Amino acid sequence: MIGVRNHGTYTQLLLSLIVVVVLTPFFNLFPGGIFLRDLAFIAVIVTAVWDIARTPRVLMIGIVLGVPVLTVRLTSMIGNSQAPLLRGAIDALGILFFAYIVFEIVWDITTNSDVTNDTIRGAFCAYLLMGLAWASAYQLVALFQPGAINFGTGPEITETQNFTYYSFVVLTTLGFGDITPVSGVARSLTWIEAVVGQLFIATIIARLVGVRMRGDSDR
């Protein structure tokens, strides 16, 4: 069936995620950079749905969750992206979409008996998507609870950059301390993300390494 494949290569998704996560700060350095950033997010949405399409059911659920995210993202590109309702819709739908994609990727790589380059790329994708999901969650909290996260008095950068940076600092437990959660909800999200990030490395990554080592020893 068209659009359904056995296992995803995750190459397109990983490249799109790298552009969004790594290159986003540079998009703000030149005119039209925000537009390119939004295009990169759209590429993440499209490639995510394609790469998880192991069965027609998975593909359909991905489309059902992805189309609303794509719609509000396109609306923000041509309309007022700072409208609170639109921003809230982008963040809320993004959380649901990213969470589902992470679930399907983790299911795919953990139920596969072999650890291949595809599996490793999938693990990287899941980890980066978790960071983006929590970044959307922090943005949603800050939208309804202004001041929920204290960004200090550092240089002015866009909110998206702030939340993405904070999310990955928490996910990797770097803990620089330049941004701090203030409200109860923000603090809860912070410690939960830190725990999930460590559990992902301790369980999923450790399992993949163990399977790969057993496979090498059997050869």
N, C-alpha and C. Protein backbone atom coordinates (compact mmCIF):
# COMPACT_ATOMS: atom_id res chain seq x y z
N MET A 1 0.84 -1.19 0.00
CA MET A 1 0.00 0.00 0.00
C MET A 1 0.88 1.24 0.00
N ILE A 2 0.49 2.25 -0.80
CA ILE A 2 1.26 3.48 -0.89
C ILE A 2 1.25 4.21 0.46
N GLY A 3 2.40 4.67 0.88
CA GLY A 3 2.51 5.43 2.12
C GLY A 3 2.75 4.59 3.34
N VAL A 4 2.82 3.28 3.18
CA VAL A 4 3.05 2.40 4.32
C VAL A 4 4.32 1.61 4.06
N ARG A 5 5.22 1.58 5.03
CA ARG A 5 6.45 0.82 4.86
C ARG A 5 6.74 0.01 6.11
N ASN A 6 7.64 -0.93 6.03
CA ASN A 6 7.90 -1.84 7.14
C ASN A 6 8.57 -1.15 8.31
N HIS A 7 9.69 -0.49 8.06
CA HIS A 7 10.40 0.22 9.11
C HIS A 7 10.94 1.52 8.54
N GLY A 8 10.86 2.59 9.34
CA GLY A 8 11.28 3.89 8.86
C GLY A 8 12.78 4.04 8.87
N THR A 9 13.30 4.78 7.88
CA THR A 9 14.72 5.08 7.91
C THR A 9 15.00 6.23 8.87
N TYR A 10 13.97 7.08 9.09
CA TYR A 10 14.06 8.23 9.99
C TYR A 10 15.11 9.24 9.54
N THR A 11 15.64 9.10 8.34
CA THR A 11 16.67 10.02 7.87
C THR A 11 16.09 11.41 7.64
N GLN A 12 14.97 11.48 6.91
CA GLN A 12 14.36 12.78 6.62
C GLN A 12 13.92 13.48 7.90
N LEU A 13 13.33 12.72 8.81
CA LEU A 13 12.87 13.31 10.06
C LEU A 13 14.04 13.83 10.88
N LEU A 14 15.12 13.05 10.96
CA LEU A 14 16.28 13.47 11.73
C LEU A 14 16.89 14.75 11.16
N LEU A 15 17.00 14.82 9.85
CA LEU A 15 17.55 16.03 9.23
C LEU A 15 16.67 17.24 9.51
N SER A 16 15.35 17.06 9.43
CA SER A 16 14.43 18.17 9.72
C SER A 16 14.54 18.62 11.16
N LEU A 17 14.67 17.66 12.07
CA LEU A 17 14.80 17.99 13.49
C LEU A 17 16.11 18.74 13.77
N ILE A 18 17.17 18.32 13.12
CA ILE A 18 18.46 19.00 13.31
C ILE A 18 18.36 20.45 12.86
N VAL A 19 17.67 20.68 11.74
CA VAL A 19 17.50 22.05 11.25
C VAL A 19 16.72 22.87 12.27
N VAL A 20 15.63 22.31 12.81
CA VAL A 20 14.80 23.05 13.76
C VAL A 20 15.54 23.31 15.06
N VAL A 21 16.18 22.29 15.60
CA VAL A 21 16.79 22.41 16.93
C VAL A 21 18.11 23.19 16.89
N VAL A 22 18.92 22.92 15.88
CA VAL A 22 20.26 23.49 15.84
C VAL A 22 20.31 24.84 15.14
N LEU A 23 19.57 24.97 14.04
CA LEU A 23 19.70 26.17 13.21
C LEU A 23 18.69 27.27 13.52
N THR A 24 17.70 27.01 14.37
CA THR A 24 16.69 28.03 14.68
C THR A 24 17.30 29.36 15.13
N PRO A 25 18.30 29.38 16.02
CA PRO A 25 18.87 30.68 16.43
C PRO A 25 19.43 31.49 15.26
N PHE A 26 19.92 30.82 14.24
CA PHE A 26 20.52 31.52 13.11
C PHE A 26 19.48 32.08 12.16
N PHE A 27 18.25 31.53 12.20
CA PHE A 27 17.20 32.04 11.33
C PHE A 27 16.83 33.47 11.66
N ASN A 28 17.04 33.89 12.91
CA ASN A 28 16.67 35.23 13.33
C ASN A 28 17.70 36.29 12.96
N LEU A 29 18.78 35.86 12.32
CA LEU A 29 19.85 36.80 11.99
C LEU A 29 19.65 37.49 10.65
N PHE A 30 18.66 37.04 9.88
CA PHE A 30 18.46 37.65 8.56
C PHE A 30 16.97 37.70 8.25
N PRO A 31 16.56 38.64 7.37
CA PRO A 31 15.15 38.77 7.01
C PRO A 31 14.61 37.48 6.40
N GLY A 32 13.40 37.14 6.79
CA GLY A 32 12.79 35.92 6.27
C GLY A 32 13.18 34.68 7.02
N GLY A 33 14.01 34.84 8.05
CA GLY A 33 14.46 33.68 8.80
C GLY A 33 13.33 32.97 9.54
N ILE A 34 12.38 33.74 10.09
CA ILE A 34 11.26 33.15 10.81
C ILE A 34 10.42 32.28 9.87
N PHE A 35 10.27 32.75 8.63
CA PHE A 35 9.52 31.97 7.64
C PHE A 35 10.21 30.63 7.38
N LEU A 36 11.54 30.66 7.26
CA LEU A 36 12.29 29.43 7.05
C LEU A 36 12.17 28.50 8.25
N ARG A 37 12.17 29.08 9.46
CA ARG A 37 12.00 28.27 10.66
C ARG A 37 10.65 27.55 10.64
N ASP A 38 9.60 28.28 10.24
CA ASP A 38 8.27 27.66 10.17
C ASP A 38 8.23 26.56 9.11
N LEU A 39 8.93 26.77 8.01
CA LEU A 39 9.00 25.74 6.97
C LEU A 39 9.69 24.49 7.50
N ALA A 40 10.72 24.70 8.32
CA ALA A 40 11.43 23.55 8.91
C ALA A 40 10.50 22.78 9.84
N PHE A 41 9.67 23.48 10.61
CA PHE A 41 8.70 22.81 11.47
C PHE A 41 7.69 22.01 10.64
N ILE A 42 7.27 22.57 9.53
CA ILE A 42 6.35 21.85 8.65
C ILE A 42 7.02 20.59 8.11
N ALA A 43 8.29 20.69 7.77
CA ALA A 43 9.03 19.52 7.29
C ALA A 43 9.08 18.45 8.37
N VAL A 44 9.24 18.84 9.64
CA VAL A 44 9.23 17.87 10.74
C VAL A 44 7.89 17.15 10.81
N ILE A 45 6.81 17.90 10.68
CA ILE A 45 5.47 17.31 10.76
C ILE A 45 5.26 16.29 9.63
N VAL A 46 5.58 16.69 8.42
CA VAL A 46 5.35 15.83 7.26
C VAL A 46 6.23 14.58 7.32
N THR A 47 7.52 14.76 7.58
CA THR A 47 8.43 13.61 7.61
C THR A 47 8.14 12.69 8.79
N ALA A 48 7.65 13.24 9.89
CA ALA A 48 7.30 12.41 11.04
C ALA A 48 6.16 11.46 10.70
N VAL A 49 5.12 12.00 10.07
CA VAL A 49 3.98 11.17 9.68
C VAL A 49 4.43 10.09 8.69
N TRP A 50 5.27 10.46 7.75
CA TRP A 50 5.72 9.49 6.74
C TRP A 50 6.57 8.39 7.36
N ASP A 51 7.48 8.77 8.26
CA ASP A 51 8.44 7.80 8.78
C ASP A 51 7.85 6.82 9.79
N ILE A 52 6.71 7.14 10.39
CA ILE A 52 6.12 6.20 11.34
C ILE A 52 5.08 5.30 10.68
N ALA A 53 4.85 5.49 9.38
CA ALA A 53 3.74 4.80 8.70
C ALA A 53 4.04 3.33 8.47
N ARG A 54 4.04 2.55 9.56
CA ARG A 54 4.27 1.11 9.44
C ARG A 54 3.02 0.37 8.97
N THR A 55 1.85 0.86 9.36
CA THR A 55 0.58 0.24 9.00
C THR A 55 -0.39 1.34 8.59
N PRO A 56 -1.47 0.98 7.88
CA PRO A 56 -2.47 1.98 7.53
C PRO A 56 -3.07 2.68 8.76
N ARG A 57 -3.24 1.94 9.87
CA ARG A 57 -3.81 2.55 11.08
C ARG A 57 -2.88 3.62 11.63
N VAL A 58 -1.59 3.29 11.72
CA VAL A 58 -0.61 4.25 12.23
C VAL A 58 -0.54 5.47 11.32
N LEU A 59 -0.56 5.24 10.02
CA LEU A 59 -0.53 6.34 9.07
C LEU A 59 -1.75 7.24 9.23
N MET A 60 -2.93 6.63 9.39
CA MET A 60 -4.15 7.41 9.52
C MET A 60 -4.16 8.25 10.79
N ILE A 61 -3.73 7.64 11.91
CA ILE A 61 -3.67 8.41 13.16
C ILE A 61 -2.68 9.56 13.04
N GLY A 62 -1.54 9.29 12.40
CA GLY A 62 -0.56 10.34 12.19
C GLY A 62 -1.12 11.49 11.38
N ILE A 63 -1.88 11.17 10.34
CA ILE A 63 -2.49 12.21 9.50
C ILE A 63 -3.54 12.99 10.29
N VAL A 64 -4.37 12.27 11.05
CA VAL A 64 -5.43 12.93 11.83
C VAL A 64 -4.84 13.91 12.84
N LEU A 65 -3.73 13.52 13.47
CA LEU A 65 -3.08 14.41 14.44
C LEU A 65 -2.21 15.46 13.76
N GLY A 66 -1.66 15.11 12.61
CA GLY A 66 -0.73 16.03 11.96
C GLY A 66 -1.39 17.15 11.18
N VAL A 67 -2.54 16.87 10.56
CA VAL A 67 -3.20 17.89 9.76
C VAL A 67 -3.59 19.13 10.58
N PRO A 68 -4.18 18.98 11.77
CA PRO A 68 -4.48 20.19 12.57
C PRO A 68 -3.22 20.98 12.93
N VAL A 69 -2.14 20.27 13.27
CA VAL A 69 -0.89 20.95 13.60
C VAL A 69 -0.38 21.71 12.38
N LEU A 70 -0.45 21.07 11.23
CA LEU A 70 -0.01 21.71 10.00
C LEU A 70 -0.88 22.91 9.66
N THR A 71 -2.19 22.79 9.91
CA THR A 71 -3.12 23.87 9.59
C THR A 71 -2.85 25.12 10.43
N VAL A 72 -2.70 24.93 11.75
CA VAL A 72 -2.48 26.09 12.61
C VAL A 72 -1.10 26.69 12.37
N ARG A 73 -0.12 25.84 12.01
CA ARG A 73 1.22 26.36 11.70
C ARG A 73 1.18 27.22 10.44
N LEU A 74 0.46 26.76 9.40
CA LEU A 74 0.33 27.54 8.18
C LEU A 74 -0.45 28.82 8.43
N THR A 75 -1.48 28.73 9.29
CA THR A 75 -2.26 29.92 9.63
C THR A 75 -1.40 30.96 10.31
N SER A 76 -0.50 30.53 11.19
CA SER A 76 0.37 31.47 11.89
C SER A 76 1.36 32.13 10.93
N MET A 77 1.70 31.43 9.85
CA MET A 77 2.65 31.98 8.88
C MET A 77 2.03 33.10 8.06
N ILE A 78 0.72 33.01 7.80
CA ILE A 78 0.07 34.00 6.95
C ILE A 78 -0.79 34.98 7.75
N GLY A 79 -0.97 34.70 9.03
CA GLY A 79 -1.79 35.57 9.87
C GLY A 79 -1.01 36.16 11.02
N ASN A 80 -1.70 36.38 12.14
CA ASN A 80 -1.08 36.95 13.34
C ASN A 80 -0.61 35.82 14.23
N SER A 81 0.68 35.51 14.15
CA SER A 81 1.22 34.38 14.90
C SER A 81 1.28 34.66 16.40
N GLN A 82 1.08 35.92 16.80
CA GLN A 82 1.15 36.27 18.21
C GLN A 82 -0.22 36.25 18.89
N ALA A 83 -1.27 35.94 18.14
CA ALA A 83 -2.60 35.85 18.74
C ALA A 83 -2.61 34.74 19.79
N PRO A 84 -3.03 35.04 21.03
CA PRO A 84 -2.96 34.04 22.11
C PRO A 84 -3.66 32.73 21.78
N LEU A 85 -4.85 32.81 21.18
CA LEU A 85 -5.60 31.59 20.87
C LEU A 85 -4.85 30.73 19.86
N LEU A 86 -4.28 31.38 18.85
CA LEU A 86 -3.53 30.65 17.84
C LEU A 86 -2.27 30.03 18.42
N ARG A 87 -1.57 30.79 19.24
CA ARG A 87 -0.36 30.27 19.87
C ARG A 87 -0.68 29.09 20.79
N GLY A 88 -1.78 29.20 21.53
CA GLY A 88 -2.19 28.10 22.40
C GLY A 88 -2.55 26.86 21.62
N ALA A 89 -3.22 27.05 20.48
CA ALA A 89 -3.60 25.92 19.64
C ALA A 89 -2.36 25.24 19.07
N ILE A 90 -1.37 26.03 18.62
CA ILE A 90 -0.13 25.48 18.08
C ILE A 90 0.57 24.62 19.13
N ASP A 91 0.66 25.15 20.36
CA ASP A 91 1.37 24.43 21.41
C ASP A 91 0.63 23.16 21.84
N ALA A 92 -0.69 23.28 22.06
CA ALA A 92 -1.47 22.13 22.53
C ALA A 92 -1.49 21.01 21.50
N LEU A 93 -1.75 21.35 20.24
CA LEU A 93 -1.77 20.34 19.20
C LEU A 93 -0.38 19.75 18.97
N GLY A 94 0.64 20.60 19.11
CA GLY A 94 2.01 20.12 18.95
C GLY A 94 2.38 19.09 20.00
N ILE A 95 1.95 19.31 21.22
CA ILE A 95 2.24 18.36 22.30
C ILE A 95 1.63 17.00 21.99
N LEU A 96 0.37 16.98 21.59
CA LEU A 96 -0.31 15.72 21.26
C LEU A 96 0.38 15.01 20.09
N PHE A 97 0.70 15.78 19.07
CA PHE A 97 1.32 15.20 17.87
C PHE A 97 2.70 14.64 18.19
N PHE A 98 3.54 15.42 18.86
CA PHE A 98 4.89 14.96 19.19
C PHE A 98 4.85 13.74 20.10
N ALA A 99 3.93 13.74 21.07
CA ALA A 99 3.83 12.62 21.99
C ALA A 99 3.48 11.33 21.23
N TYR A 100 2.56 11.43 20.29
CA TYR A 100 2.19 10.24 19.51
C TYR A 100 3.35 9.76 18.64
N ILE A 101 4.05 10.69 18.00
CA ILE A 101 5.18 10.31 17.15
C ILE A 101 6.26 9.63 17.98
N VAL A 102 6.54 10.18 19.16
CA VAL A 102 7.55 9.57 20.04
C VAL A 102 7.14 8.16 20.42
N PHE A 103 5.86 7.99 20.77
CA PHE A 103 5.36 6.65 21.14
C PHE A 103 5.57 5.66 20.01
N GLU A 104 5.21 6.04 18.79
CA GLU A 104 5.33 5.12 17.65
C GLU A 104 6.79 4.81 17.33
N ILE A 105 7.66 5.82 17.44
CA ILE A 105 9.08 5.57 17.16
C ILE A 105 9.67 4.63 18.20
N VAL A 106 9.37 4.89 19.48
CA VAL A 106 9.89 4.04 20.54
C VAL A 106 9.38 2.61 20.38
N TRP A 107 8.10 2.48 20.05
CA TRP A 107 7.53 1.15 19.81
C TRP A 107 8.25 0.45 18.66
N ASP A 108 8.52 1.20 17.61
CA ASP A 108 9.18 0.64 16.43
C ASP A 108 10.59 0.15 16.76
N ILE A 109 11.37 0.98 17.44
CA ILE A 109 12.77 0.62 17.67
C ILE A 109 12.94 -0.42 18.77
N THR A 110 11.98 -0.50 19.70
CA THR A 110 12.12 -1.48 20.78
C THR A 110 11.54 -2.84 20.42
N THR A 111 10.65 -2.90 19.44
CA THR A 111 10.10 -4.19 19.02
C THR A 111 10.88 -4.79 17.85
N ASN A 112 11.85 -4.05 17.36
CA ASN A 112 12.69 -4.57 16.28
C ASN A 112 13.82 -5.38 16.90
N SER A 113 13.97 -6.61 16.47
CA SER A 113 14.97 -7.50 17.08
C SER A 113 16.40 -7.13 16.71
N ASP A 114 16.56 -6.36 15.64
CA ASP A 114 17.90 -5.95 15.21
C ASP A 114 18.11 -4.47 15.48
N VAL A 115 19.33 -4.11 15.84
CA VAL A 115 19.70 -2.71 16.01
C VAL A 115 20.50 -2.29 14.79
N THR A 116 19.89 -1.45 13.97
CA THR A 116 20.51 -1.00 12.74
C THR A 116 20.72 0.51 12.79
N ASN A 117 21.25 1.06 11.73
CA ASN A 117 21.39 2.51 11.65
C ASN A 117 20.03 3.19 11.70
N ASP A 118 19.01 2.54 11.13
CA ASP A 118 17.65 3.08 11.21
C ASP A 118 17.19 3.19 12.66
N THR A 119 17.48 2.16 13.43
CA THR A 119 17.08 2.15 14.84
C THR A 119 17.76 3.27 15.61
N ILE A 120 19.02 3.48 15.36
CA ILE A 120 19.76 4.54 16.05
C ILE A 120 19.22 5.91 15.67
N ARG A 121 18.94 6.09 14.38
CA ARG A 121 18.36 7.36 13.95
C ARG A 121 17.01 7.58 14.59
N GLY A 122 16.22 6.51 14.73
CA GLY A 122 14.92 6.62 15.38
C GLY A 122 15.04 7.05 16.83
N ALA A 123 16.03 6.50 17.53
CA ALA A 123 16.24 6.89 18.94
C ALA A 123 16.60 8.36 19.05
N PHE A 124 17.45 8.85 18.16
CA PHE A 124 17.80 10.27 18.16
C PHE A 124 16.56 11.12 17.90
N CYS A 125 15.74 10.70 16.94
CA CYS A 125 14.52 11.44 16.61
C CYS A 125 13.59 11.52 17.81
N ALA A 126 13.39 10.39 18.49
CA ALA A 126 12.50 10.36 19.65
C ALA A 126 13.00 11.31 20.74
N TYR A 127 14.30 11.32 20.96
CA TYR A 127 14.88 12.18 22.01
C TYR A 127 14.69 13.65 21.67
N LEU A 128 14.94 14.02 20.43
CA LEU A 128 14.77 15.42 20.02
C LEU A 128 13.31 15.83 20.05
N LEU A 129 12.43 14.93 19.65
CA LEU A 129 11.00 15.23 19.67
C LEU A 129 10.48 15.42 21.08
N MET A 130 11.02 14.68 22.04
CA MET A 130 10.63 14.89 23.43
C MET A 130 11.00 16.29 23.87
N GLY A 131 12.18 16.76 23.48
CA GLY A 131 12.57 18.11 23.82
C GLY A 131 11.65 19.15 23.23
N LEU A 132 11.22 18.96 21.99
CA LEU A 132 10.30 19.89 21.35
C LEU A 132 8.92 19.83 21.98
N ALA A 133 8.49 18.64 22.38
CA ALA A 133 7.19 18.50 23.03
C ALA A 133 7.15 19.26 24.34
N TRP A 134 8.20 19.13 25.12
CA TRP A 134 8.23 19.85 26.40
C TRP A 134 8.38 21.35 26.18
N ALA A 135 9.10 21.75 25.14
CA ALA A 135 9.20 23.18 24.83
C ALA A 135 7.81 23.76 24.55
N SER A 136 6.99 23.00 23.82
CA SER A 136 5.61 23.44 23.56
C SER A 136 4.81 23.50 24.85
N ALA A 137 5.05 22.54 25.75
CA ALA A 137 4.35 22.53 27.03
C ALA A 137 4.72 23.76 27.87
N TYR A 138 5.99 24.11 27.89
CA TYR A 138 6.43 25.29 28.63
C TYR A 138 5.81 26.56 28.04
N GLN A 139 5.76 26.63 26.72
CA GLN A 139 5.15 27.78 26.08
C GLN A 139 3.67 27.90 26.43
N LEU A 140 2.99 26.76 26.48
CA LEU A 140 1.57 26.75 26.81
C LEU A 140 1.35 27.22 28.24
N VAL A 141 2.19 26.75 29.15
CA VAL A 141 2.08 27.18 30.55
C VAL A 141 2.33 28.68 30.67
N ALA A 142 3.37 29.16 30.01
CA ALA A 142 3.70 30.59 30.08
C ALA A 142 2.62 31.46 29.46
N LEU A 143 1.90 30.91 28.48
CA LEU A 143 0.82 31.66 27.84
C LEU A 143 -0.32 31.91 28.81
N PHE A 144 -0.66 30.91 29.62
CA PHE A 144 -1.76 31.03 30.55
C PHE A 144 -1.32 31.48 31.95
N GLN A 145 -0.01 31.34 32.22
CA GLN A 145 0.55 31.80 33.49
C GLN A 145 1.77 32.66 33.22
N PRO A 146 1.58 33.91 32.83
CA PRO A 146 2.73 34.78 32.56
C PRO A 146 3.67 34.84 33.77
N GLY A 147 4.95 34.70 33.53
CA GLY A 147 5.92 34.69 34.61
C GLY A 147 6.13 33.33 35.23
N ALA A 148 5.50 32.29 34.64
CA ALA A 148 5.65 30.94 35.20
C ALA A 148 7.09 30.46 35.11
N ILE A 149 7.81 30.98 34.13
CA ILE A 149 9.22 30.65 33.96
C ILE A 149 10.02 31.95 33.89
N ASN A 150 11.03 32.06 34.73
CA ASN A 150 11.84 33.27 34.80
C ASN A 150 13.05 33.14 33.88
N PHE A 151 13.10 34.00 32.85
CA PHE A 151 14.18 33.95 31.88
C PHE A 151 15.33 34.88 32.23
N GLY A 152 15.28 35.52 33.38
CA GLY A 152 16.38 36.37 33.82
C GLY A 152 16.48 37.64 33.01
N THR A 153 17.66 38.20 32.97
CA THR A 153 17.87 39.48 32.28
C THR A 153 18.89 39.32 31.15
N GLY A 154 18.92 38.14 30.55
CA GLY A 154 19.87 37.88 29.48
C GLY A 154 19.48 38.60 28.21
N PRO A 155 20.23 38.38 27.14
CA PRO A 155 19.94 39.04 25.87
C PRO A 155 18.59 38.63 25.31
N GLU A 156 17.95 39.55 24.58
CA GLU A 156 16.63 39.31 24.02
C GLU A 156 16.71 38.26 22.92
N ILE A 157 15.97 37.19 23.07
CA ILE A 157 15.82 36.22 22.00
C ILE A 157 14.35 35.84 21.92
N THR A 158 13.95 35.23 20.83
CA THR A 158 12.54 34.92 20.66
C THR A 158 12.08 33.91 21.70
N GLU A 159 10.79 33.91 21.99
CA GLU A 159 10.25 33.00 22.98
C GLU A 159 10.49 31.55 22.59
N THR A 160 10.32 31.24 21.31
CA THR A 160 10.54 29.87 20.87
C THR A 160 11.95 29.40 21.20
N GLN A 161 12.93 30.25 20.95
CA GLN A 161 14.31 29.90 21.29
C GLN A 161 14.48 29.71 22.79
N ASN A 162 13.86 30.60 23.58
CA ASN A 162 13.96 30.49 25.03
C ASN A 162 13.47 29.14 25.53
N PHE A 163 12.27 28.77 25.09
CA PHE A 163 11.65 27.55 25.58
C PHE A 163 12.35 26.30 25.06
N THR A 164 12.80 26.35 23.80
CA THR A 164 13.53 25.21 23.24
C THR A 164 14.85 25.02 23.98
N TYR A 165 15.54 26.11 24.21
CA TYR A 165 16.81 26.04 24.95
C TYR A 165 16.59 25.49 26.36
N TYR A 166 15.58 26.02 27.04
CA TYR A 166 15.31 25.57 28.41
C TYR A 166 14.94 24.09 28.43
N SER A 167 14.12 23.66 27.47
CA SER A 167 13.67 22.28 27.44
C SER A 167 14.84 21.31 27.29
N PHE A 168 15.77 21.61 26.40
CA PHE A 168 16.88 20.69 26.19
C PHE A 168 17.91 20.76 27.32
N VAL A 169 18.01 21.90 27.97
CA VAL A 169 18.86 21.97 29.16
C VAL A 169 18.31 21.06 30.25
N VAL A 170 16.98 21.05 30.40
CA VAL A 170 16.35 20.19 31.41
C VAL A 170 16.44 18.73 30.98
N LEU A 171 16.14 18.45 29.71
CA LEU A 171 16.13 17.07 29.22
C LEU A 171 17.48 16.40 29.40
N THR A 172 18.53 17.16 29.18
CA THR A 172 19.89 16.61 29.31
C THR A 172 20.46 16.80 30.71
N THR A 173 19.65 17.40 31.60
CA THR A 173 20.03 17.69 33.00
C THR A 173 21.34 18.47 33.09
N LEU A 174 21.55 19.41 32.17
CA LEU A 174 22.73 20.27 32.25
C LEU A 174 22.60 21.24 33.42
N GLY A 175 21.37 21.81 33.59
CA GLY A 175 21.10 22.64 34.75
C GLY A 175 21.96 23.88 34.88
N PHE A 176 21.98 24.74 33.84
CA PHE A 176 22.79 25.95 33.90
C PHE A 176 22.26 26.93 34.95
N GLY A 177 20.94 26.95 35.17
CA GLY A 177 20.37 27.81 36.18
C GLY A 177 20.06 29.22 35.72
N ASP A 178 20.29 29.52 34.43
CA ASP A 178 20.01 30.87 33.94
C ASP A 178 18.52 31.08 33.70
N ILE A 179 17.76 30.00 33.54
CA ILE A 179 16.31 30.05 33.42
C ILE A 179 15.73 29.15 34.50
N THR A 180 14.74 29.67 35.24
CA THR A 180 14.20 28.90 36.37
C THR A 180 12.68 28.84 36.32
N PRO A 181 12.10 27.69 36.65
CA PRO A 181 10.64 27.58 36.75
C PRO A 181 10.16 28.25 38.04
N VAL A 182 9.04 28.95 37.96
CA VAL A 182 8.53 29.68 39.12
C VAL A 182 7.22 29.09 39.61
N SER A 183 6.28 28.86 38.71
CA SER A 183 4.98 28.34 39.11
C SER A 183 5.06 26.84 39.40
N GLY A 184 4.04 26.35 40.10
CA GLY A 184 4.01 24.93 40.43
C GLY A 184 3.94 24.04 39.21
N VAL A 185 3.14 24.45 38.21
CA VAL A 185 3.01 23.65 37.00
C VAL A 185 4.34 23.59 36.25
N ALA A 186 5.01 24.73 36.13
CA ALA A 186 6.29 24.77 35.43
C ALA A 186 7.33 23.92 36.14
N ARG A 187 7.32 23.96 37.47
CA ARG A 187 8.28 23.14 38.22
C ARG A 187 8.00 21.65 38.04
N SER A 188 6.73 21.29 38.03
CA SER A 188 6.38 19.87 37.84
C SER A 188 6.80 19.39 36.46
N LEU A 189 6.52 20.20 35.43
CA LEU A 189 6.94 19.82 34.09
C LEU A 189 8.45 19.68 33.99
N THR A 190 9.16 20.54 34.72
CA THR A 190 10.62 20.53 34.66
C THR A 190 11.19 19.23 35.23
N TRP A 191 10.75 18.86 36.44
CA TRP A 191 11.34 17.65 37.03
C TRP A 191 10.88 16.39 36.30
N ILE A 192 9.65 16.41 35.77
CA ILE A 192 9.19 15.24 35.01
C ILE A 192 10.02 15.07 33.74
N GLU A 193 10.30 16.19 33.04
CA GLU A 193 11.13 16.09 31.84
C GLU A 193 12.52 15.58 32.16
N ALA A 194 13.10 16.07 33.26
CA ALA A 194 14.44 15.61 33.65
C ALA A 194 14.46 14.12 33.91
N VAL A 195 13.43 13.62 34.60
CA VAL A 195 13.35 12.19 34.90
C VAL A 195 13.15 11.37 33.63
N VAL A 196 12.24 11.82 32.77
CA VAL A 196 11.97 11.10 31.52
C VAL A 196 13.22 11.06 30.64
N GLY A 197 13.94 12.18 30.58
CA GLY A 197 15.15 12.22 29.78
C GLY A 197 16.18 11.21 30.24
N GLN A 198 16.35 11.09 31.55
CA GLN A 198 17.31 10.13 32.08
C GLN A 198 16.83 8.69 31.91
N LEU A 199 15.52 8.47 32.09
CA LEU A 199 14.98 7.13 31.90
C LEU A 199 15.11 6.68 30.44
N PHE A 200 14.94 7.61 29.52
CA PHE A 200 15.08 7.28 28.10
C PHE A 200 16.48 6.77 27.82
N ILE A 201 17.47 7.46 28.34
CA ILE A 201 18.86 7.05 28.11
C ILE A 201 19.16 5.74 28.84
N ALA A 202 18.64 5.62 30.07
CA ALA A 202 18.97 4.45 30.88
C ALA A 202 18.25 3.19 30.41
N THR A 203 17.12 3.33 29.76
CA THR A 203 16.35 2.15 29.35
C THR A 203 16.42 1.92 27.84
N ILE A 204 15.93 2.88 27.05
CA ILE A 204 15.86 2.69 25.60
C ILE A 204 17.26 2.58 25.00
N ILE A 205 18.10 3.56 25.29
CA ILE A 205 19.45 3.55 24.71
C ILE A 205 20.24 2.35 25.22
N ALA A 206 20.14 2.07 26.53
CA ALA A 206 20.87 0.93 27.10
C ALA A 206 20.40 -0.38 26.46
N ARG A 207 19.11 -0.50 26.21
CA ARG A 207 18.59 -1.72 25.56
C ARG A 207 19.15 -1.85 24.15
N LEU A 208 19.16 -0.76 23.39
CA LEU A 208 19.68 -0.81 22.04
C LEU A 208 21.16 -1.21 22.02
N VAL A 209 21.92 -0.66 22.96
CA VAL A 209 23.33 -1.01 23.06
C VAL A 209 23.49 -2.50 23.40
N GLY A 210 22.66 -2.98 24.34
CA GLY A 210 22.74 -4.39 24.73
C GLY A 210 22.40 -5.32 23.59
N VAL A 211 21.34 -5.00 22.83
CA VAL A 211 20.96 -5.83 21.68
C VAL A 211 22.05 -5.82 20.63
N ARG A 212 22.63 -4.65 20.41
CA ARG A 212 23.70 -4.55 19.40
C ARG A 212 24.92 -5.38 19.81
N MET A 213 25.27 -5.33 21.10
CA MET A 213 26.42 -6.10 21.57
C MET A 213 26.18 -7.60 21.48
N ARG A 214 24.94 -8.03 21.81
CA ARG A 214 24.62 -9.45 21.69
C ARG A 214 24.66 -9.90 20.24
N GLY A 215 24.19 -9.04 19.35
CA GLY A 215 24.23 -9.38 17.94
C GLY A 215 25.66 -9.51 17.42
N ASP A 216 26.54 -8.61 17.89
CA ASP A 216 27.94 -8.68 17.45
C ASP A 216 28.62 -9.93 17.99
N SER A 217 28.27 -10.31 19.23
CA SER A 217 28.91 -11.49 19.83
C SER A 217 28.45 -12.79 19.17
N ASP A 218 27.24 -12.77 18.60
CA ASP A 218 26.72 -13.97 17.95
C ASP A 218 27.31 -14.18 16.56
N ARG A 219 27.92 -13.17 16.01
CA ARG A 219 28.47 -13.31 14.65
C ARG A 219 29.80 -14.06 14.66
